[in-house]
Amino acid sequence: MDLTPEELVKFDGKNGSKAYIAVNGIIYDITENASWKEGMHQGFSAGVDLTEEGLKAPHGLTPLENAPIVGKLKD
């Protein structure tokens, strides 16, 4: 599934929706990730492109290695 940023925002993990984030153009499903309760992690919200934030995170992109890929971010 390919999503625009405007479509991705609907997947914020709130009210029972799936929680997706985009990093480097890839969309990951983080719904089942315990660190992303209710679509939030360390002040960041699901449903957005977190490429810059992910690269700056102390853990890097390692936590996404086991997250299912659900699509690509499109313009």
N, C-alpha and C. Protein backbone atom coordinates (compact mmCIF):
# COMPACT_ATOMS: atom_id res chain seq x y z
N MET A 1 0.85 -1.17 0.00
CA MET A 1 0.00 0.00 0.00
C MET A 1 0.90 1.23 0.00
N ASP A 2 0.68 2.12 -0.89
CA ASP A 2 1.40 3.38 -0.95
C ASP A 2 0.49 4.48 -0.42
N LEU A 3 1.05 5.33 0.43
CA LEU A 3 0.26 6.39 1.05
C LEU A 3 0.95 7.74 0.90
N THR A 4 0.17 8.78 0.76
CA THR A 4 0.70 10.14 0.82
C THR A 4 0.81 10.52 2.29
N PRO A 5 1.56 11.58 2.61
CA PRO A 5 1.60 12.03 4.00
C PRO A 5 0.21 12.35 4.56
N GLU A 6 -0.66 12.85 3.70
CA GLU A 6 -2.03 13.18 4.13
C GLU A 6 -2.83 11.92 4.47
N GLU A 7 -2.56 10.83 3.79
CA GLU A 7 -3.23 9.56 4.07
C GLU A 7 -2.60 8.87 5.28
N LEU A 8 -1.30 8.98 5.41
CA LEU A 8 -0.58 8.35 6.51
C LEU A 8 -1.06 8.85 7.87
N VAL A 9 -1.42 10.11 7.95
CA VAL A 9 -1.83 10.72 9.22
C VAL A 9 -3.04 10.01 9.84
N LYS A 10 -3.81 9.31 9.03
CA LYS A 10 -4.97 8.58 9.54
C LYS A 10 -4.56 7.37 10.38
N PHE A 11 -3.33 6.91 10.22
CA PHE A 11 -2.83 5.73 10.93
C PHE A 11 -2.00 6.17 12.14
N ASP A 12 -2.68 6.82 13.08
CA ASP A 12 -1.98 7.40 14.23
C ASP A 12 -2.04 6.54 15.49
N GLY A 13 -2.67 5.37 15.40
CA GLY A 13 -2.73 4.46 16.55
C GLY A 13 -3.75 4.84 17.60
N LYS A 14 -4.54 5.83 17.34
CA LYS A 14 -5.54 6.28 18.31
C LYS A 14 -6.92 5.70 17.97
N ASN A 15 -7.72 5.51 19.00
CA ASN A 15 -9.09 5.03 18.83
C ASN A 15 -9.18 3.74 18.03
N GLY A 16 -8.23 2.84 18.25
CA GLY A 16 -8.26 1.54 17.61
C GLY A 16 -7.69 1.48 16.21
N SER A 17 -7.19 2.60 15.70
CA SER A 17 -6.61 2.57 14.35
C SER A 17 -5.20 1.98 14.39
N LYS A 18 -4.73 1.51 13.26
CA LYS A 18 -3.36 1.01 13.14
C LYS A 18 -2.40 2.17 13.36
N ALA A 19 -1.18 1.85 13.80
CA ALA A 19 -0.14 2.86 13.99
C ALA A 19 0.97 2.61 12.97
N TYR A 20 1.12 3.55 12.04
CA TYR A 20 2.15 3.45 11.01
C TYR A 20 3.08 4.65 11.13
N ILE A 21 4.36 4.43 10.82
CA ILE A 21 5.29 5.54 10.66
C ILE A 21 6.07 5.31 9.37
N ALA A 22 6.55 6.39 8.80
CA ALA A 22 7.38 6.30 7.61
C ALA A 22 8.81 6.70 7.97
N VAL A 23 9.77 5.94 7.44
CA VAL A 23 11.19 6.26 7.61
C VAL A 23 11.88 5.93 6.29
N ASN A 24 12.57 6.91 5.75
CA ASN A 24 13.28 6.74 4.47
C ASN A 24 12.35 6.22 3.37
N GLY A 25 11.11 6.71 3.36
CA GLY A 25 10.17 6.35 2.31
C GLY A 25 9.46 5.02 2.49
N ILE A 26 9.79 4.29 3.54
CA ILE A 26 9.16 3.00 3.83
C ILE A 26 8.17 3.19 4.98
N ILE A 27 6.99 2.59 4.86
CA ILE A 27 5.97 2.69 5.92
C ILE A 27 5.99 1.40 6.73
N TYR A 28 6.13 1.56 8.04
CA TYR A 28 6.19 0.43 8.97
C TYR A 28 4.94 0.41 9.85
N ASP A 29 4.47 -0.80 10.14
CA ASP A 29 3.35 -0.99 11.06
C ASP A 29 3.93 -1.20 12.46
N ILE A 30 3.73 -0.23 13.33
CA ILE A 30 4.25 -0.30 14.69
C ILE A 30 3.12 -0.51 15.70
N THR A 31 1.97 -0.94 15.22
CA THR A 31 0.79 -1.13 16.06
C THR A 31 1.07 -2.04 17.25
N GLU A 32 1.79 -3.13 17.04
CA GLU A 32 2.04 -4.11 18.09
C GLU A 32 3.31 -3.83 18.89
N ASN A 33 4.01 -2.76 18.57
CA ASN A 33 5.24 -2.42 19.28
C ASN A 33 4.88 -1.82 20.64
N ALA A 34 5.32 -2.47 21.71
CA ALA A 34 4.98 -2.03 23.07
C ALA A 34 5.47 -0.62 23.38
N SER A 35 6.49 -0.16 22.69
CA SER A 35 7.01 1.19 22.93
C SER A 35 6.13 2.28 22.33
N TRP A 36 5.17 1.89 21.50
CA TRP A 36 4.30 2.84 20.82
C TRP A 36 2.86 2.72 21.31
N LYS A 37 2.65 2.83 22.60
CA LYS A 37 1.30 2.73 23.16
C LYS A 37 0.44 3.91 22.71
N GLU A 38 -0.74 3.59 22.23
CA GLU A 38 -1.68 4.61 21.75
C GLU A 38 -1.05 5.52 20.69
N GLY A 39 -0.11 4.97 19.92
CA GLY A 39 0.48 5.73 18.83
C GLY A 39 1.48 6.79 19.23
N MET A 40 1.99 6.71 20.47
CA MET A 40 2.96 7.69 20.96
C MET A 40 4.21 6.99 21.48
N HIS A 41 5.38 7.61 21.23
CA HIS A 41 6.65 7.09 21.74
C HIS A 41 7.59 8.27 21.95
N GLN A 42 7.98 8.48 23.19
CA GLN A 42 8.93 9.55 23.52
C GLN A 42 8.51 10.91 22.96
N GLY A 43 7.22 11.19 22.99
CA GLY A 43 6.71 12.47 22.52
C GLY A 43 6.45 12.53 21.02
N PHE A 44 6.74 11.45 20.30
CA PHE A 44 6.50 11.41 18.86
C PHE A 44 5.20 10.66 18.60
N SER A 45 4.48 11.12 17.59
CA SER A 45 3.20 10.52 17.23
C SER A 45 3.34 9.67 15.98
N ALA A 46 2.60 8.57 15.94
CA ALA A 46 2.52 7.75 14.73
C ALA A 46 1.71 8.51 13.69
N GLY A 47 1.77 8.04 12.46
CA GLY A 47 1.01 8.65 11.38
C GLY A 47 1.78 9.71 10.62
N VAL A 48 3.10 9.76 10.83
CA VAL A 48 3.92 10.78 10.17
C VAL A 48 5.25 10.19 9.70
N ASP A 49 5.98 10.98 8.93
CA ASP A 49 7.32 10.63 8.48
C ASP A 49 8.30 11.01 9.59
N LEU A 50 8.97 10.02 10.14
CA LEU A 50 9.92 10.24 11.23
C LEU A 50 11.36 9.95 10.79
N THR A 51 11.67 10.19 9.53
CA THR A 51 13.01 9.89 9.03
C THR A 51 14.08 10.63 9.82
N GLU A 52 13.97 11.94 9.93
CA GLU A 52 14.99 12.72 10.64
C GLU A 52 15.08 12.32 12.11
N GLU A 53 13.93 12.16 12.74
CA GLU A 53 13.91 11.80 14.16
C GLU A 53 14.49 10.41 14.38
N GLY A 54 14.19 9.48 13.49
CA GLY A 54 14.70 8.12 13.62
C GLY A 54 16.20 8.06 13.50
N LEU A 55 16.76 8.85 12.62
CA LEU A 55 18.20 8.86 12.44
C LEU A 55 18.92 9.48 13.63
N LYS A 56 18.23 10.37 14.36
CA LYS A 56 18.83 11.03 15.52
C LYS A 56 18.59 10.26 16.82
N ALA A 57 17.70 9.28 16.80
CA ALA A 57 17.35 8.54 18.02
C ALA A 57 18.57 7.76 18.54
N PRO A 58 18.70 7.65 19.87
CA PRO A 58 19.84 6.92 20.43
C PRO A 58 19.90 5.47 19.97
N HIS A 59 18.74 4.89 19.70
CA HIS A 59 18.70 3.49 19.26
C HIS A 59 18.77 3.37 17.74
N GLY A 60 18.81 4.50 17.04
CA GLY A 60 18.84 4.47 15.58
C GLY A 60 17.57 3.85 15.03
N LEU A 61 17.71 3.15 13.94
CA LEU A 61 16.56 2.53 13.28
C LEU A 61 16.41 1.05 13.64
N THR A 62 17.24 0.57 14.56
CA THR A 62 17.23 -0.84 14.95
C THR A 62 15.84 -1.36 15.32
N PRO A 63 15.02 -0.62 16.08
CA PRO A 63 13.71 -1.16 16.45
C PRO A 63 12.80 -1.46 15.26
N LEU A 64 13.06 -0.87 14.12
CA LEU A 64 12.22 -1.11 12.95
C LEU A 64 12.58 -2.39 12.21
N GLU A 65 13.68 -3.02 12.58
CA GLU A 65 14.12 -4.22 11.87
C GLU A 65 13.08 -5.34 11.93
N ASN A 66 12.29 -5.38 13.00
CA ASN A 66 11.27 -6.42 13.15
C ASN A 66 9.86 -5.93 12.86
N ALA A 67 9.72 -4.66 12.52
CA ALA A 67 8.39 -4.11 12.24
C ALA A 67 7.97 -4.48 10.82
N PRO A 68 6.73 -4.90 10.65
CA PRO A 68 6.26 -5.23 9.30
C PRO A 68 6.26 -4.00 8.38
N ILE A 69 6.71 -4.18 7.17
CA ILE A 69 6.64 -3.13 6.16
C ILE A 69 5.29 -3.25 5.47
N VAL A 70 4.56 -2.13 5.42
CA VAL A 70 3.23 -2.17 4.83
C VAL A 70 3.12 -1.37 3.53
N GLY A 71 4.15 -0.63 3.19
CA GLY A 71 4.08 0.13 1.95
C GLY A 71 5.16 1.17 1.83
N LYS A 72 4.91 2.11 0.91
CA LYS A 72 5.86 3.19 0.65
C LYS A 72 5.15 4.52 0.76
N LEU A 73 5.91 5.52 1.17
CA LEU A 73 5.40 6.88 1.24
C LEU A 73 5.54 7.51 -0.14
N LYS A 74 4.43 8.06 -0.64
CA LYS A 74 4.48 8.72 -1.95
C LYS A 74 4.21 10.20 -1.78
N ASP A 75 4.58 10.96 -2.80
CA ASP A 75 4.40 12.43 -2.76
C ASP A 75 2.96 12.82 -2.89
